[in-house]
Amino acid sequence: MPTALEIYDEMEFLTNSLFNERAPAPSVSFAIGGILSAMGFILWNFRLNKLRKQIESMGLAFDGSLLVRAMISAMVDEDDRFYAIVSFSAISFLILGGLQLNYVSTLLGMFGYYFFKASLEAFRTLLGFWSANDLSDVVITSKRLKSEFHISTEIQPLNIYGDLSAGTTMTAMVFVTQLILIYLTIASLFTEDAHLVYCWDWTDYCPVAGTLGSWSLYILGILSAMVYKLGPQTSFGHSPQNPAFWLQLFLAGKHKDSTFTWTDPISNETKTSKLYMYKVWLRYIMSFTINGVGFHLLLHSLPVEVARTNAFYDIVWAVYGMMWLVDMDYLWGNALTISHPVEKEEGKTDEIKADKAPAEGTTKISKADAKTVEIVDTDDTVRVSAEALKIINEARAKLDALAKGEKSVTTVRGNANHNLAAGALLHVQGASWEDENKVPTSSGGDIKSVSTTDVFSC
């Protein structure tokens, strides 16, 4: 296949329009992309070192799963706008230079790269799932996820695939429709002579990125894609794969007989359903296909589509059509409240440790281990991380006041500078403190259940 500029040199144009001028050589695009790539690599190293210091400050080894997840987070997260713009532009200019040399091979390489990038984000979520048994065990390696990940029984789906209360039929219809339209959009780039289009003066067989007009429109497409990727449509860089939501859902499914409850907006009734993990995995595969792979392919095909246009309204329709297709599954779904029964462990009796019976009239709370302290009651079990335990120790005076019969609410917050997501709001009546092992107990009172609105993340 001849290059775009070789085709251009053999053309005869209808007019001497500025848009028909020869495009800059591929070396220009590669030079811009190379400089931006070097900047992106430096910024990535800086971000990775920052994560390393945060994790090591917690006394954790920066290796294995944590190292891999941190490397992925430093690469794919878009919490830093400057890094996101530099990395996106770098790849886009390298693709522009490739299109000028070999249109088909460059598109295939682009799709392969962004399939790999989407898979990395999914792999990070699965690593978090495999390395933790509970929400309080999760070590967050992403600044973006720390703002989205909450130790809470209530989670909010942001598309129809995450809304487990949505009907299977409608979910399948949306998935099939999006899949077909994404396929048709991508396939249109590979049709015969797809790299040859009409110029702006209607001269036929103009090579994509071969004229100054097409080359400039490609840069306009980069700008349009970045505005969508980092703008209000994605909550300013929020990943459409919604990794925090799926990680919470996966970890909730590790408990046997978990259920989820939601309020039906039509009947205004509260409904409950069992959390079947095969359904969760099926929904996740749909979400990954559309909001992971499909999103990246469409977003990075946008500059190519814009470069192929030859009228202003075609540019508008290309941008609008791509964005509408990406957002077709958007849904502020019903909030899902996840719950699961208390699982008794061997050697325990009625959720109370058998090694030391509690005093008469006292509900004992088990000791903290390296990861969590478990507050046990006959009705409710609340898991609080070691981070929260430190703050509970500092609030000993407040608990002593509660032991005297005063009714109050104590709020426990985690340290926002740490990566462990933890914290809960406890309402204790008649609490006391055991000096022997520094564990709070309740004498005659109950530890009330935790409201999902009273949970804080760190």
Foldseek 3Di string as FASTA:
>chain_A
DAFQQVVLVPDDDPDPDQQSAFFDALVVLLVLLVVLVVVLVVQLVVQLVVLVVQQVVVVDDCDDLNVLLLSLQSPQACPDVVSVLSNLSSLLSNLLSVCRGPNPVSLVVQLVVLLVNLVSLVVSLVSQLVQDQAQLRGFFSHPVLLVVAFRFLKDWDFFPLLFPVDDPVVVVVLLVVLVVVLVVVSVCCVPVLSQFAAALVRRGGNGQSGGNNLVVQLVVLSVLLSCCCQHVVCPRNPQLLNSSSLSNLSSLVSAPQKKKWFQDPVVRDIDMDTNDVVSSVVSSVSSSVQRRSSLSSLSSCRSSQRSRDNDPVSNVCSSVVSVCSSCVRGDRHTIIRMDHDDDDDPCDDLQHHPPDDDDPQKDDWAAADPFWTWGDDNVDIDIFGPQQLVVVLVCQVVLVVQLVFDWDWDFTDGDSSHRRWGTFTWGAHNKDADPPRGGIIHGNIDIDDTDRVRTGTD
